[in-house]
Structures are given as C-alpha cells and as structure tokens.
Amino acid sequence: MVGAASKSQDLSRAIAKSDYNNTVNGLSGNEDCGQMSAWYLFSALGFYLVDPVSFEYVVGTPFFDKITIDFLGTKRPLVITSPAGQRNPSQRNPT
C-alpha cells in the first residue's frame, strides 16, 4: 500500500497468520513453483524482492526479534534485528 507502510505490514502479517500453517490446507494458493513459500519466507524475514531485474525490495518488520543467516563464503552472517517485532509489527526502524 503506497504511502501506508504500517497498513502493508499489518496486512502481510494477517495473510501470513490466516493462510499459512502446519495443516493440510496451510499453504495459500498454488505452490507449483515455490512462489507462495518464498513470499512467506521473505515476509517473515522482513523484506521482499518486488522486481528481480531492478533488485527493488520492500522493507517491513520481521516476524521475529532476531534472525541470523549464514551465507557460504562470507566471514560474517547477516543479522536482522527488530526488537519487539512480534509485539509491534508497525515499528519503523528494523536494523
């Protein structure tokens, strides 16, 4: 939602909560190419690739207070922190 980041974050969380779970029907939409799982994963991380050609990302609030990702061949992991991210999904300064 252009100009309404907090509303976009709230909507993303609502979709993730209602349409993704560990039941038979817990995966929203058609999962043929993995796109729905990718949407959930990146939304949970707090960012999403909008256009793979321009590398444009939308940044939101992670679903977790801290996420650490180790990449092969790098000296340091990527650490995403969002204190109180679960309790305050509309915060403005994830790091």
PDB file of N, CA and C in Angstrom:
ATOM      1  N   MET A   1       0.842  -1.168   0.000  1.00  0.00           N
ATOM      2  CA  MET A   1       0.000   0.000   0.000  1.00  0.00           C
ATOM      3  C   MET A   1       0.887   1.231   0.000  1.00  0.00           C
ATOM      4  N   VAL A   2       0.873   1.929  -1.079  1.00  0.00           N
ATOM      5  CA  VAL A   2       1.735   3.089  -1.248  1.00  0.00           C
ATOM      6  C   VAL A   2       1.406   4.146  -0.200  1.00  0.00           C
ATOM      7  N   GLY A   3       2.446   4.615   0.496  1.00  0.00           N
ATOM      8  CA  GLY A   3       2.267   5.663   1.490  1.00  0.00           C
ATOM      9  C   GLY A   3       1.671   5.194   2.799  1.00  0.00           C
ATOM     10  N   ALA A   4       1.504   3.895   2.968  1.00  0.00           N
ATOM     11  CA  ALA A   4       0.908   3.366   4.198  1.00  0.00           C
ATOM     12  C   ALA A   4       1.655   2.113   4.626  1.00  0.00           C
ATOM     13  N   ALA A   5       2.926   2.275   4.962  1.00  0.00           N
ATOM     14  CA  ALA A   5       3.775   1.129   5.287  1.00  0.00           C
ATOM     15  C   ALA A   5       3.212   0.294   6.430  1.00  0.00           C
ATOM     16  N   SER A   6       2.697   0.934   7.457  1.00  0.00           N
ATOM     17  CA  SER A   6       2.189   0.169   8.597  1.00  0.00           C
ATOM     18  C   SER A   6       0.976  -0.669   8.197  1.00  0.00           C
ATOM     19  N   LYS A   7       0.140  -0.166   7.299  1.00  0.00           N
ATOM     20  CA  LYS A   7      -1.011  -0.941   6.837  1.00  0.00           C
ATOM     21  C   LYS A   7      -0.554  -2.139   6.015  1.00  0.00           C
ATOM     22  N   SER A   8       0.492  -1.951   5.199  1.00  0.00           N
ATOM     23  CA  SER A   8       1.041  -3.064   4.413  1.00  0.00           C
ATOM     24  C   SER A   8       1.601  -4.142   5.328  1.00  0.00           C
ATOM     25  N   GLN A   9       2.334  -3.728   6.363  1.00  0.00           N
ATOM     26  CA  GLN A   9       2.896  -4.693   7.304  1.00  0.00           C
ATOM     27  C   GLN A   9       1.790  -5.438   8.040  1.00  0.00           C
ATOM     28  N   ASP A  10       0.762  -4.719   8.461  1.00  0.00           N
ATOM     29  CA  ASP A  10      -0.357  -5.359   9.152  1.00  0.00           C
ATOM     30  C   ASP A  10      -1.055  -6.365   8.240  1.00  0.00           C
ATOM     31  N   LEU A  11      -1.255  -6.007   6.976  1.00  0.00           N
ATOM     32  CA  LEU A  11      -1.912  -6.899   6.027  1.00  0.00           C
ATOM     33  C   LEU A  11      -1.050  -8.132   5.747  1.00  0.00           C
ATOM     34  N   SER A  12       0.257  -7.946   5.577  1.00  0.00           N
ATOM     35  CA  SER A  12       1.160  -9.082   5.347  1.00  0.00           C
ATOM     36  C   SER A  12       1.108 -10.057   6.510  1.00  0.00           C
ATOM     37  N   ARG A  13       1.135  -9.547   7.720  1.00  0.00           N
ATOM     38  CA  ARG A  13       1.063 -10.416   8.898  1.00  0.00           C
ATOM     39  C   ARG A  13      -0.285 -11.124   8.992  1.00  0.00           C
ATOM     40  N   ALA A  14      -1.352 -10.426   8.672  1.00  0.00           N
ATOM     41  CA  ALA A  14      -2.678 -11.046   8.720  1.00  0.00           C
ATOM     42  C   ALA A  14      -2.781 -12.182   7.702  1.00  0.00           C
ATOM     43  N   ILE A  15      -2.256 -11.967   6.499  1.00  0.00           N
ATOM     44  CA  ILE A  15      -2.267 -13.016   5.473  1.00  0.00           C
ATOM     45  C   ILE A  15      -1.412 -14.194   5.919  1.00  0.00           C
ATOM     46  N   ALA A  16      -0.227 -13.925   6.433  1.00  0.00           N
ATOM     47  CA  ALA A  16       0.659 -14.998   6.892  1.00  0.00           C
ATOM     48  C   ALA A  16      -0.001 -15.809   8.005  1.00  0.00           C
ATOM     49  N   LYS A  17      -0.661 -15.128   8.919  1.00  0.00           N
ATOM     50  CA  LYS A  17      -1.290 -15.816  10.049  1.00  0.00           C
ATOM     51  C   LYS A  17      -2.499 -16.641   9.616  1.00  0.00           C
ATOM     52  N   SER A  18      -3.301 -16.108   8.702  1.00  0.00           N
ATOM     53  CA  SER A  18      -4.533 -16.802   8.322  1.00  0.00           C
ATOM     54  C   SER A  18      -4.334 -17.854   7.233  1.00  0.00           C
ATOM     55  N   ASP A  19      -3.358 -17.662   6.358  1.00  0.00           N
ATOM     56  CA  ASP A  19      -3.236 -18.535   5.188  1.00  0.00           C
ATOM     57  C   ASP A  19      -2.054 -19.497   5.213  1.00  0.00           C
ATOM     58  N   TYR A  20      -1.214 -19.432   6.237  1.00  0.00           N
ATOM     59  CA  TYR A  20      -0.037 -20.305   6.317  1.00  0.00           C
ATOM     60  C   TYR A  20       0.011 -20.946   7.695  1.00  0.00           C
ATOM     61  N   ASN A  21       0.015 -22.284   7.728  1.00  0.00           N
ATOM     62  CA  ASN A  21       0.109 -23.016   8.990  1.00  0.00           C
ATOM     63  C   ASN A  21       0.530 -24.445   8.700  1.00  0.00           C
ATOM     64  N   ASN A  22       0.631 -25.254   9.723  1.00  0.00           N
ATOM     65  CA  ASN A  22       1.117 -26.622   9.536  1.00  0.00           C
ATOM     66  C   ASN A  22      -0.020 -27.643   9.443  1.00  0.00           C
ATOM     67  N   THR A  23      -1.051 -27.308   8.678  1.00  0.00           N
ATOM     68  CA  THR A  23      -2.139 -28.239   8.417  1.00  0.00           C
ATOM     69  C   THR A  23      -2.145 -28.599   6.930  1.00  0.00           C
ATOM     70  N   VAL A  24      -3.043 -29.486   6.551  1.00  0.00           N
ATOM     71  CA  VAL A  24      -3.158 -29.897   5.154  1.00  0.00           C
ATOM     72  C   VAL A  24      -3.442 -28.695   4.254  1.00  0.00           C
ATOM     73  N   ASN A  25      -4.224 -27.763   4.729  1.00  0.00           N
ATOM     74  CA  ASN A  25      -4.579 -26.575   3.948  1.00  0.00           C
ATOM     75  C   ASN A  25      -3.750 -25.360   4.340  1.00  0.00           C
ATOM     76  N   GLY A  26      -2.583 -25.573   4.893  1.00  0.00           N
ATOM     77  CA  GLY A  26      -1.801 -24.480   5.451  1.00  0.00           C
ATOM     78  C   GLY A  26      -0.895 -23.747   4.491  1.00  0.00           C
ATOM     79  N   LEU A  27      -1.094 -23.907   3.206  1.00  0.00           N
ATOM     80  CA  LEU A  27      -0.283 -23.198   2.222  1.00  0.00           C
ATOM     81  C   LEU A  27      -1.218 -22.514   1.237  1.00  0.00           C
ATOM     82  N   SER A  28      -1.166 -21.205   1.234  1.00  0.00           N
ATOM     83  CA  SER A  28      -2.091 -20.422   0.422  1.00  0.00           C
ATOM     84  C   SER A  28      -1.739 -20.500  -1.061  1.00  0.00           C
ATOM     85  N   GLY A  29      -2.735 -20.692  -1.894  1.00  0.00           N
ATOM     86  CA  GLY A  29      -2.535 -20.596  -3.335  1.00  0.00           C
ATOM     87  C   GLY A  29      -1.885 -21.807  -3.970  1.00  0.00           C
ATOM     88  N   ASN A  30      -1.395 -21.622  -5.179  1.00  0.00           N
ATOM     89  CA  ASN A  30      -0.788 -22.661  -5.992  1.00  0.00           C
ATOM     90  C   ASN A  30       0.717 -22.662  -5.772  1.00  0.00           C
ATOM     91  N   GLU A  31       1.246 -23.751  -5.269  1.00  0.00           N
ATOM     92  CA  GLU A  31       2.652 -23.816  -4.876  1.00  0.00           C
ATOM     93  C   GLU A  31       3.528 -24.460  -5.950  1.00  0.00           C
ATOM     94  N   ASP A  32       3.099 -24.478  -7.194  1.00  0.00           N
ATOM     95  CA  ASP A  32       3.837 -25.158  -8.254  1.00  0.00           C
ATOM     96  C   ASP A  32       5.305 -24.763  -8.340  1.00  0.00           C
ATOM     97  N   CYS A  33       5.614 -23.512  -8.226  1.00  0.00           N
ATOM     98  CA  CYS A  33       6.995 -23.045  -8.402  1.00  0.00           C
ATOM     99  C   CYS A  33       7.629 -22.541  -7.110  1.00  0.00           C
ATOM    100  N   GLY A  34       6.971 -22.715  -5.993  1.00  0.00           N
ATOM    101  CA  GLY A  34       7.537 -22.284  -4.725  1.00  0.00           C
ATOM    102  C   GLY A  34       7.346 -20.818  -4.401  1.00  0.00           C
ATOM    103  N   GLN A  35       6.593 -20.102  -5.209  1.00  0.00           N
ATOM    104  CA  GLN A  35       6.455 -18.662  -5.005  1.00  0.00           C
ATOM    105  C   GLN A  35       5.721 -18.315  -3.718  1.00  0.00           C
ATOM    106  N   MET A  36       4.715 -19.090  -3.356  1.00  0.00           N
ATOM    107  CA  MET A  36       3.966 -18.786  -2.137  1.00  0.00           C
ATOM    108  C   MET A  36       4.836 -19.011  -0.899  1.00  0.00           C
ATOM    109  N   SER A  37       5.635 -20.073  -0.910  1.00  0.00           N
ATOM    110  CA  SER A  37       6.561 -20.302   0.206  1.00  0.00           C
ATOM    111  C   SER A  37       7.613 -19.211   0.265  1.00  0.00           C
ATOM    112  N   ALA A  38       8.083 -18.775  -0.895  1.00  0.00           N
ATOM    113  CA  ALA A  38       9.076 -17.692  -0.940  1.00  0.00           C
ATOM    114  C   ALA A  38       8.488 -16.406  -0.377  1.00  0.00           C
ATOM    115  N   TRP A  39       7.236 -16.117  -0.708  1.00  0.00           N
ATOM    116  CA  TRP A  39       6.592 -14.915  -0.160  1.00  0.00           C
ATOM    117  C   TRP A  39       6.568 -14.981   1.364  1.00  0.00           C
ATOM    118  N   TYR A  40       6.165 -16.133   1.897  1.00  0.00           N
ATOM    119  CA  TYR A  40       6.095 -16.265   3.355  1.00  0.00           C
ATOM    120  C   TYR A  40       7.478 -16.118   3.985  1.00  0.00           C
ATOM    121  N   LEU A  41       8.459 -16.790   3.428  1.00  0.00           N
ATOM    122  CA  LEU A  41       9.812 -16.739   3.980  1.00  0.00           C
ATOM    123  C   LEU A  41      10.346 -15.314   4.010  1.00  0.00           C
ATOM    124  N   PHE A  42      10.276 -14.614   2.890  1.00  0.00           N
ATOM    125  CA  PHE A  42      10.811 -13.251   2.851  1.00  0.00           C
ATOM    126  C   PHE A  42       9.978 -12.283   3.690  1.00  0.00           C
ATOM    127  N   SER A  43       8.668 -12.477   3.745  1.00  0.00           N
ATOM    128  CA  SER A  43       7.849 -11.634   4.622  1.00  0.00           C
ATOM    129  C   SER A  43       8.244 -11.844   6.078  1.00  0.00           C
ATOM    130  N   ALA A  44       8.499 -13.096   6.457  1.00  0.00           N
ATOM    131  CA  ALA A  44       8.927 -13.387   7.830  1.00  0.00           C
ATOM    132  C   ALA A  44      10.289 -12.765   8.130  1.00  0.00           C
ATOM    133  N   LEU A  45      11.149 -12.657   7.103  1.00  0.00           N
ATOM    134  CA  LEU A  45      12.463 -12.032   7.284  1.00  0.00           C
ATOM    135  C   LEU A  45      12.378 -10.509   7.323  1.00  0.00           C
ATOM    136  N   GLY A  46      11.290  -9.951   6.844  1.00  0.00           N
ATOM    137  CA  GLY A  46      11.102  -8.504   6.901  1.00  0.00           C
ATOM    138  C   GLY A  46      11.437  -7.765   5.624  1.00  0.00           C
ATOM    139  N   PHE A  47      11.609  -8.484   4.526  1.00  0.00           N
ATOM    140  CA  PHE A  47      11.829  -7.812   3.246  1.00  0.00           C
ATOM    141  C   PHE A  47      11.351  -8.722   2.124  1.00  0.00           C
ATOM    142  N   TYR A  48      11.082  -8.133   0.986  1.00  0.00           N
ATOM    143  CA  TYR A  48      10.599  -8.920  -0.136  1.00  0.00           C
ATOM    144  C   TYR A  48      11.077  -8.314  -1.439  1.00  0.00           C
ATOM    145  N   LEU A  49      11.562  -9.149  -2.330  1.00  0.00           N
ATOM    146  CA  LEU A  49      12.033  -8.720  -3.644  1.00  0.00           C
ATOM    147  C   LEU A  49      10.827  -8.452  -4.542  1.00  0.00           C
ATOM    148  N   VAL A  50      10.620  -7.189  -4.888  1.00  0.00           N
ATOM    149  CA  VAL A  50       9.483  -6.800  -5.719  1.00  0.00           C
ATOM    150  C   VAL A  50       9.764  -7.083  -7.185  1.00  0.00           C
ATOM    151  N   ASP A  51      10.967  -6.732  -7.636  1.00  0.00           N
ATOM    152  CA  ASP A  51      11.332  -6.854  -9.045  1.00  0.00           C
ATOM    153  C   ASP A  51      12.740  -7.430  -9.135  1.00  0.00           C
ATOM    154  N   PRO A  52      12.887  -8.682  -9.563  1.00  0.00           N
ATOM    155  CA  PRO A  52      14.211  -9.294  -9.599  1.00  0.00           C
ATOM    156  C   PRO A  52      15.176  -8.641 -10.580  1.00  0.00           C
ATOM    157  N   VAL A  53      14.669  -7.899 -11.540  1.00  0.00           N
ATOM    158  CA  VAL A  53      15.539  -7.238 -12.509  1.00  0.00           C
ATOM    159  C   VAL A  53      16.187  -5.996 -11.908  1.00  0.00           C
ATOM    160  N   SER A  54      15.413  -5.207 -11.179  1.00  0.00           N
ATOM    161  CA  SER A  54      15.945  -3.959 -10.613  1.00  0.00           C
ATOM    162  C   SER A  54      16.443  -4.140  -9.183  1.00  0.00           C
ATOM    163  N   PHE A  55      16.261  -5.322  -8.610  1.00  0.00           N
ATOM    164  CA  PHE A  55      16.630  -5.588  -7.217  1.00  0.00           C
ATOM    165  C   PHE A  55      15.933  -4.617  -6.266  1.00  0.00           C
ATOM    166  N   GLU A  56      14.682  -4.310  -6.552  1.00  0.00           N
ATOM    167  CA  GLU A  56      13.885  -3.440  -5.690  1.00  0.00           C
ATOM    168  C   GLU A  56      13.257  -4.287  -4.583  1.00  0.00           C
ATOM    169  N   TYR A  57      13.473  -3.867  -3.344  1.00  0.00           N
ATOM    170  CA  TYR A  57      12.937  -4.576  -2.191  1.00  0.00           C
ATOM    171  C   TYR A  57      11.960  -3.692  -1.429  1.00  0.00           C
ATOM    172  N   VAL A  58      10.987  -4.323  -0.818  1.00  0.00           N
ATOM    173  CA  VAL A  58      10.117  -3.659   0.140  1.00  0.00           C
ATOM    174  C   VAL A  58      10.597  -4.111   1.511  1.00  0.00           C
ATOM    175  N   VAL A  59      10.836  -3.157   2.403  1.00  0.00           N
ATOM    176  CA  VAL A  59      11.321  -3.483   3.740  1.00  0.00           C
ATOM    177  C   VAL A  59      10.170  -3.335   4.716  1.00  0.00           C
ATOM    178  N   GLY A  60       9.974  -4.356   5.521  1.00  0.00           N
ATOM    179  CA  GLY A  60       8.940  -4.337   6.548  1.00  0.00           C
ATOM    180  C   GLY A  60       9.548  -4.708   7.884  1.00  0.00           C
ATOM    181  N   THR A  61       8.749  -5.245   8.750  1.00  0.00           N
ATOM    182  CA  THR A  61       9.208  -5.662  10.067  1.00  0.00           C
ATOM    183  C   THR A  61       9.244  -7.181  10.107  1.00  0.00           C
ATOM    184  N   PRO A  62      10.366  -7.767  10.505  1.00  0.00           N
ATOM    185  CA  PRO A  62      10.444  -9.224  10.599  1.00  0.00           C
ATOM    186  C   PRO A  62       9.417  -9.777  11.584  1.00  0.00           C
ATOM    187  N   PHE A  63       9.077 -11.031  11.417  1.00  0.00           N
ATOM    188  CA  PHE A  63       8.149 -11.690  12.329  1.00  0.00           C
ATOM    189  C   PHE A  63       8.850 -12.092  13.625  1.00  0.00           C
ATOM    190  N   PHE A  64      10.163 -11.954  13.687  1.00  0.00           N
ATOM    191  CA  PHE A  64      10.961 -12.403  14.830  1.00  0.00           C
ATOM    192  C   PHE A  64      11.807 -11.248  15.352  1.00  0.00           C
ATOM    193  N   ASP A  65      12.229 -11.339  16.611  1.00  0.00           N
ATOM    194  CA  ASP A  65      13.066 -10.288  17.197  1.00  0.00           C
ATOM    195  C   ASP A  65      14.474 -10.276  16.607  1.00  0.00           C
ATOM    196  N   LYS A  66      14.988 -11.470  16.261  1.00  0.00           N
ATOM    197  CA  LYS A  66      16.340 -11.547  15.700  1.00  0.00           C
ATOM    198  C   LYS A  66      16.422 -12.733  14.744  1.00  0.00           C
ATOM    199  N   ILE A  67      17.051 -12.495  13.592  1.00  0.00           N
ATOM    200  CA  ILE A  67      17.250 -13.537  12.585  1.00  0.00           C
ATOM    201  C   ILE A  67      18.719 -13.516  12.193  1.00  0.00           C
ATOM    202  N   THR A  68      19.354 -14.681  12.154  1.00  0.00           N
ATOM    203  CA  THR A  68      20.752 -14.788  11.738  1.00  0.00           C
ATOM    204  C   THR A  68      20.828 -15.759  10.566  1.00  0.00           C
ATOM    205  N   ILE A  69      21.437 -15.310   9.465  1.00  0.00           N
ATOM    206  CA  ILE A  69      21.575 -16.142   8.269  1.00  0.00           C
ATOM    207  C   ILE A  69      23.052 -16.236   7.917  1.00  0.00           C
ATOM    208  N   ASP A  70      23.564 -17.465   7.847  1.00  0.00           N
ATOM    209  CA  ASP A  70      24.949 -17.692   7.435  1.00  0.00           C
ATOM    210  C   ASP A  70      24.979 -17.986   5.943  1.00  0.00           C
ATOM    211  N   PHE A  71      25.809 -17.253   5.205  1.00  0.00           N
ATOM    212  CA  PHE A  71      25.986 -17.482   3.777  1.00  0.00           C
ATOM    213  C   PHE A  71      27.342 -18.127   3.543  1.00  0.00           C
ATOM    214  N   LEU A  72      27.384 -19.126   2.678  1.00  0.00           N
ATOM    215  CA  LEU A  72      28.655 -19.761   2.343  1.00  0.00           C
ATOM    216  C   LEU A  72      29.611 -18.740   1.745  1.00  0.00           C
ATOM    217  N   GLY A  73      30.867 -18.812   2.139  1.00  0.00           N
ATOM    218  CA  GLY A  73      31.883 -17.941   1.562  1.00  0.00           C
ATOM    219  C   GLY A  73      31.946 -16.551   2.158  1.00  0.00           C
ATOM    220  N   THR A  74      31.176 -16.289   3.199  1.00  0.00           N
ATOM    221  CA  THR A  74      31.242 -14.976   3.845  1.00  0.00           C
ATOM    222  C   THR A  74      31.809 -15.128   5.250  1.00  0.00           C
ATOM    223  N   LYS A  75      32.439 -14.083   5.719  1.00  0.00           N
ATOM    224  CA  LYS A  75      33.060 -14.129   7.042  1.00  0.00           C
ATOM    225  C   LYS A  75      32.062 -13.873   8.160  1.00  0.00           C
ATOM    226  N   ARG A  76      31.055 -13.068   7.861  1.00  0.00           N
ATOM    227  CA  ARG A  76      30.086 -12.717   8.895  1.00  0.00           C
ATOM    228  C   ARG A  76      28.674 -13.054   8.432  1.00  0.00           C
ATOM    229  N   PRO A  77      27.823 -13.478   9.354  1.00  0.00           N
ATOM    230  CA  PRO A  77      26.435 -13.753   8.974  1.00  0.00           C
ATOM    231  C   PRO A  77      25.646 -12.459   8.814  1.00  0.00           C
ATOM    232  N   LEU A  78      24.543 -12.561   8.121  1.00  0.00           N
ATOM    233  CA  LEU A  78      23.585 -11.461   8.053  1.00  0.00           C
ATOM    234  C   LEU A  78      22.731 -11.554   9.309  1.00  0.00           C
ATOM    235  N   VAL A  79      22.663 -10.477  10.067  1.00  0.00           N
ATOM    236  CA  VAL A  79      21.856 -10.442  11.281  1.00  0.00           C
ATOM    237  C   VAL A  79      20.798  -9.358  11.113  1.00  0.00           C
ATOM    238  N   ILE A  80      19.555  -9.757  11.233  1.00  0.00           N
ATOM    239  CA  ILE A  80      18.435  -8.825  11.151  1.00  0.00           C
ATOM    240  C   ILE A  80      17.823  -8.765  12.543  1.00  0.00           C
ATOM    241  N   THR A  81      17.775  -7.581  13.126  1.00  0.00           N
ATOM    242  CA  THR A  81      17.164  -7.440  14.442  1.00  0.00           C
ATOM    243  C   THR A  81      15.988  -6.485  14.363  1.00  0.00           C
ATOM    244  N   SER A  82      15.006  -6.799  15.140  1.00  0.00           N
ATOM    245  CA  SER A  82      13.818  -5.954  15.214  1.00  0.00           C
ATOM    246  C   SER A  82      13.247  -6.104  16.616  1.00  0.00           C
ATOM    247  N   PRO A  83      13.856  -5.422  17.595  1.00  0.00           N
ATOM    248  CA  PRO A  83      13.373  -5.551  18.969  1.00  0.00           C
ATOM    249  C   PRO A  83      11.869  -5.291  19.041  1.00  0.00           C
ATOM    250  N   ALA A  84      11.195  -6.181  19.699  1.00  0.00           N
ATOM    251  CA  ALA A  84       9.737  -6.090  19.860  1.00  0.00           C
ATOM    252  C   ALA A  84       9.002  -6.236  18.534  1.00  0.00           C
ATOM    253  N   GLY A  85       9.623  -6.854  17.542  1.00  0.00           N
ATOM    254  CA  GLY A  85       8.998  -7.012  16.228  1.00  0.00           C
ATOM    255  C   GLY A  85       7.682  -7.761  16.266  1.00  0.00           C
ATOM    256  N   GLN A  86       7.590  -8.772  17.129  1.00  0.00           N
ATOM    257  CA  GLN A  86       6.346  -9.525  17.216  1.00  0.00           C
ATOM    258  C   GLN A  86       5.253  -8.727  17.906  1.00  0.00           C
ATOM    259  N   ARG A  87       5.638  -7.920  18.868  1.00  0.00           N
ATOM    260  CA  ARG A  87       4.647  -7.157  19.628  1.00  0.00           C
ATOM    261  C   ARG A  87       4.283  -5.837  18.963  1.00  0.00           C
ATOM    262  N   ASN A  88       5.182  -5.317  18.109  1.00  0.00           N
ATOM    263  CA  ASN A  88       4.955  -4.019  17.477  1.00  0.00           C
ATOM    264  C   ASN A  88       5.294  -4.117  15.991  1.00  0.00           C
ATOM    265  N   PRO A  89       4.434  -4.764  15.196  1.00  0.00           N
ATOM    266  CA  PRO A  89       4.764  -5.001  13.786  1.00  0.00           C
ATOM    267  C   PRO A  89       4.870  -3.749  12.936  1.00  0.00           C
ATOM    268  N   SER A  90       4.418  -2.624  13.428  1.00  0.00           N
ATOM    269  CA  SER A  90       4.459  -1.396  12.631  1.00  0.00           C
ATOM    270  C   SER A  90       5.625  -0.500  12.990  1.00  0.00           C
ATOM    271  N   GLN A  91       6.629  -1.041  13.705  1.00  0.00           N
ATOM    272  CA  GLN A  91       7.770  -0.201  14.056  1.00  0.00           C
ATOM    273  C   GLN A  91       8.506   0.226  12.800  1.00  0.00           C
ATOM    274  N   ARG A  92       9.233   1.293  12.891  1.00  0.00           N
ATOM    275  CA  ARG A  92       9.811   1.910  11.700  1.00  0.00           C
ATOM    276  C   ARG A  92      11.300   1.651  11.501  1.00  0.00           C
ATOM    277  N   ASN A  93      11.998   1.076  12.462  1.00  0.00           N
ATOM    278  CA  ASN A  93      13.455   1.018  12.358  1.00  0.00           C
ATOM    279  C   ASN A  93      14.054  -0.364  12.559  1.00  0.00           C
ATOM    280  N   PRO A  94      13.684  -1.379  11.784  1.00  0.00           N
ATOM    281  CA  PRO A  94      14.430  -2.626  11.886  1.00  0.00           C
ATOM    282  C   PRO A  94      15.850  -2.404  11.382  1.00  0.00           C
ATOM    283  N   THR A  95      16.833  -3.115  11.928  1.00  0.00           N
ATOM    284  CA  THR A  95      18.231  -2.940  11.503  1.00  0.00           C
ATOM    285  C   THR A  95      18.783  -4.228  10.944  1.00  0.00           C
TER     286      THR A  95
END
